[in-house]
Structure formats: structure tokens, C-alpha cells
Amino acid sequence: GVRSLAEEAAELARGGAVAAPDGGAGAVLDPAPALECLRTSGAPVDETNDRLVRLIQARYDGTPAYLAVFLESPGADQPADTAVVWVAAKADCRILDTASLRV
């Protein structure tokens, strides 16, 4: 679920690794529409201190959705301290859910 994605990202940050958005199950093949939808929803797609580590297209409670997993840092050149997952409906880009976890 959404919480487990946040936990995976937090583990990634604790290990010191910073991954690029990966393939994996449900991966978005063309990220442009997904990123634009997430941007419209208010997700921090363009924040310099937030790093997108995974972008997924899936159903969330029966609704086609984009799930974006970010590692957020408090400032430039500082390690991530929070993993955040944003879930936005694919059709109208409204936020369906979020989850966050301190690293």
C-alpha cells in the first residue's frame, strides 16, 4: 500500500542511496503526463529539495491513479529526512491519499 511505499523510500534514504525513478511493477513508461498531473494536484514535483524516487501507475481504491514517491530534505546538500508518497487520480488529478514517514 501507500504506507509500504513510504517505508521502502525511507529505507533507501537510511542506506544513503538515492535512486532514480525505477522500472518496477506499474512503472510509468512516459512520465510527462504523470508528472503534469501530480504538479496540478499540488505534489512537490518541482521542489529542489525533493527527489522523485519512484513513479507508479496503478489503481487506488478502484480509481486509476499515479503514485509518486519522494525523498524530501530540509535544505540544499542535506540528506533526506522524510519519505512521502502522493496519490493522484489519473482522470482529474485530485489527491486521493498521501503518506509520509520520517527517515
C-alpha atoms as a PDB file:
ATOM      1  CA  GLY A   1       0.000   0.000   0.000  1.00  0.00           C
ATOM      2  CA  VAL A   2       0.867   3.653   0.185  1.00  0.00           C
ATOM      3  CA  ARG A   3       2.480   3.298   3.612  1.00  0.00           C
ATOM      4  CA  SER A   4       4.734   0.459   2.423  1.00  0.00           C
ATOM      5  CA  LEU A   5       5.978   2.641  -0.448  1.00  0.00           C
ATOM      6  CA  ALA A   6       6.925   5.308   2.102  1.00  0.00           C
ATOM      7  CA  GLU A   7       8.706   2.666   4.195  1.00  0.00           C
ATOM      8  CA  GLU A   8      10.688   1.457   1.157  1.00  0.00           C
ATOM      9  CA  ALA A   9      11.751   5.020   0.344  1.00  0.00           C
ATOM     10  CA  ALA A  10      12.742   5.657   3.966  1.00  0.00           C
ATOM     11  CA  GLU A  11      14.922   2.537   3.878  1.00  0.00           C
ATOM     12  CA  LEU A  12      16.520   3.800   0.681  1.00  0.00           C
ATOM     13  CA  ALA A  13      17.316   7.114   2.355  1.00  0.00           C
ATOM     14  CA  ARG A  14      18.675   5.458   5.505  1.00  0.00           C
ATOM     15  CA  GLY A  15      21.058   3.461   3.334  1.00  0.00           C
ATOM     16  CA  GLY A  16      22.380   6.691   1.862  1.00  0.00           C
ATOM     17  CA  ALA A  17      21.433   5.708  -1.673  1.00  0.00           C
ATOM     18  CA  VAL A  18      19.406   7.968  -3.899  1.00  0.00           C
ATOM     19  CA  ALA A  19      17.761   6.116  -6.738  1.00  0.00           C
ATOM     20  CA  ALA A  20      16.390   7.476  -9.956  1.00  0.00           C
ATOM     21  CA  PRO A  21      12.761   6.693 -10.748  1.00  0.00           C
ATOM     22  CA  ASP A  22      12.832   2.982 -11.476  1.00  0.00           C
ATOM     23  CA  GLY A  23      11.131   0.434 -13.680  1.00  0.00           C
ATOM     24  CA  GLY A  24       9.380  -1.988 -11.323  1.00  0.00           C
ATOM     25  CA  ALA A  25       5.770  -3.133 -11.411  1.00  0.00           C
ATOM     26  CA  GLY A  26       3.349  -0.444 -12.519  1.00  0.00           C
ATOM     27  CA  ALA A  27       6.135   1.898 -13.583  1.00  0.00           C
ATOM     28  CA  VAL A  28       5.065   4.822 -15.750  1.00  0.00           C
ATOM     29  CA  LEU A  29       6.610   4.434 -19.208  1.00  0.00           C
ATOM     30  CA  ASP A  30       6.034   8.058 -20.244  1.00  0.00           C
ATOM     31  CA  PRO A  31       6.450  10.165 -17.094  1.00  0.00           C
ATOM     32  CA  ALA A  32       5.431  13.520 -18.647  1.00  0.00           C
ATOM     33  CA  PRO A  33       1.619  13.131 -18.260  1.00  0.00           C
ATOM     34  CA  ALA A  34       2.023  11.665 -14.772  1.00  0.00           C
ATOM     35  CA  LEU A  35       4.320  14.480 -13.652  1.00  0.00           C
ATOM     36  CA  GLU A  36       1.980  17.117 -15.073  1.00  0.00           C
ATOM     37  CA  CYS A  37      -0.972  15.556 -13.254  1.00  0.00           C
ATOM     38  CA  LEU A  38       0.987  15.414  -9.999  1.00  0.00           C
ATOM     39  CA  ARG A  39       2.104  19.017 -10.498  1.00  0.00           C
ATOM     40  CA  THR A  40      -1.564  20.029 -10.968  1.00  0.00           C
ATOM     41  CA  SER A  41      -2.508  18.153  -7.800  1.00  0.00           C
ATOM     42  CA  GLY A  42      -0.002  20.118  -5.738  1.00  0.00           C
ATOM     43  CA  ALA A  43       2.592  17.379  -5.268  1.00  0.00           C
ATOM     44  CA  PRO A  44       6.141  18.813  -4.922  1.00  0.00           C
ATOM     45  CA  VAL A  45       7.307  17.699  -8.365  1.00  0.00           C
ATOM     46  CA  ASP A  46       9.461  20.789  -8.931  1.00  0.00           C
ATOM     47  CA  GLU A  47      10.859  21.338  -5.430  1.00  0.00           C
ATOM     48  CA  THR A  48      14.652  21.371  -5.432  1.00  0.00           C
ATOM     49  CA  ASN A  49      14.867  19.651  -2.025  1.00  0.00           C
ATOM     50  CA  ASP A  50      12.525  16.809  -3.004  1.00  0.00           C
ATOM     51  CA  ARG A  51      13.743  13.897  -5.090  1.00  0.00           C
ATOM     52  CA  LEU A  52      11.379  11.623  -7.011  1.00  0.00           C
ATOM     53  CA  VAL A  53      12.492   8.022  -6.463  1.00  0.00           C
ATOM     54  CA  ARG A  54       9.542   6.105  -7.895  1.00  0.00           C
ATOM     55  CA  LEU A  55       6.589   6.820 -10.167  1.00  0.00           C
ATOM     56  CA  ILE A  56       3.824   4.223 -10.482  1.00  0.00           C
ATOM     57  CA  GLN A  57       0.581   3.943 -12.422  1.00  0.00           C
ATOM     58  CA  ALA A  58      -1.969   1.738 -10.639  1.00  0.00           C
ATOM     59  CA  ARG A  59      -5.495   1.545  -9.299  1.00  0.00           C
ATOM     60  CA  TYR A  60      -6.078   3.048  -5.881  1.00  0.00           C
ATOM     61  CA  ASP A  61      -9.410   2.058  -4.307  1.00  0.00           C
ATOM     62  CA  GLY A  62     -10.625   1.243  -7.820  1.00  0.00           C
ATOM     63  CA  THR A  63      -9.546   4.598  -9.297  1.00  0.00           C
ATOM     64  CA  PRO A  64      -6.770   4.794 -11.921  1.00  0.00           C
ATOM     65  CA  ALA A  65      -4.025   6.792 -10.246  1.00  0.00           C
ATOM     66  CA  TYR A  66      -0.439   7.934 -10.228  1.00  0.00           C
ATOM     67  CA  LEU A  67       1.657   7.253  -7.132  1.00  0.00           C
ATOM     68  CA  ALA A  68       4.777   9.352  -6.697  1.00  0.00           C
ATOM     69  CA  VAL A  69       7.355   8.537  -4.052  1.00  0.00           C
ATOM     70  CA  PHE A  70       9.638  11.363  -2.943  1.00  0.00           C
ATOM     71  CA  LEU A  71      12.529  11.732  -0.547  1.00  0.00           C
ATOM     72  CA  GLU A  72      12.418  15.206   0.997  1.00  0.00           C
ATOM     73  CA  SER A  73      15.352  17.014   2.554  1.00  0.00           C
ATOM     74  CA  PRO A  74      15.227  20.098   4.776  1.00  0.00           C
ATOM     75  CA  GLY A  75      17.641  22.041   2.578  1.00  0.00           C
ATOM     76  CA  ALA A  76      20.246  22.001  -0.135  1.00  0.00           C
ATOM     77  CA  ASP A  77      23.019  19.433   0.301  1.00  0.00           C
ATOM     78  CA  GLN A  78      21.300  17.914   3.357  1.00  0.00           C
ATOM     79  CA  PRO A  79      20.227  14.284   3.476  1.00  0.00           C
ATOM     80  CA  ALA A  80      16.578  13.354   3.112  1.00  0.00           C
ATOM     81  CA  ASP A  81      14.670  13.273   6.380  1.00  0.00           C
ATOM     82  CA  THR A  82      11.200  12.336   5.121  1.00  0.00           C
ATOM     83  CA  ALA A  83       9.757   9.874   2.617  1.00  0.00           C
ATOM     84  CA  VAL A  84       6.439  10.988   1.126  1.00  0.00           C
ATOM     85  CA  VAL A  85       4.001   9.224  -1.199  1.00  0.00           C
ATOM     86  CA  TRP A  86       1.420  11.237  -3.140  1.00  0.00           C
ATOM     87  CA  VAL A  87      -1.524   9.515  -4.835  1.00  0.00           C
ATOM     88  CA  ALA A  88      -3.376  11.484  -7.516  1.00  0.00           C
ATOM     89  CA  ALA A  89      -6.360  10.395  -9.598  1.00  0.00           C
ATOM     90  CA  LYS A  90      -5.355   9.974 -13.216  1.00  0.00           C
ATOM     91  CA  ALA A  91      -8.597  11.445 -14.620  1.00  0.00           C
ATOM     92  CA  ASP A  92      -8.806  14.734 -12.699  1.00  0.00           C
ATOM     93  CA  CYS A  93      -5.501  14.917 -10.780  1.00  0.00           C
ATOM     94  CA  ARG A  94      -7.162  15.262  -7.370  1.00  0.00           C
ATOM     95  CA  ILE A  95      -5.223  13.961  -4.384  1.00  0.00           C
ATOM     96  CA  LEU A  96      -6.568  10.603  -3.256  1.00  0.00           C
ATOM     97  CA  ASP A  97      -4.113   9.945  -0.433  1.00  0.00           C
ATOM     98  CA  THR A  98      -0.699  10.761   0.965  1.00  0.00           C
ATOM     99  CA  ALA A  99       1.616   9.037   3.399  1.00  0.00           C
ATOM    100  CA  SER A 100       4.811  10.271   4.989  1.00  0.00           C
ATOM    101  CA  LEU A 101       7.444   8.716   7.173  1.00  0.00           C
ATOM    102  CA  ARG A 102      10.438  10.220   8.940  1.00  0.00           C
ATOM    103  CA  VAL A 103      13.708   8.692   7.802  1.00  0.00           C
END
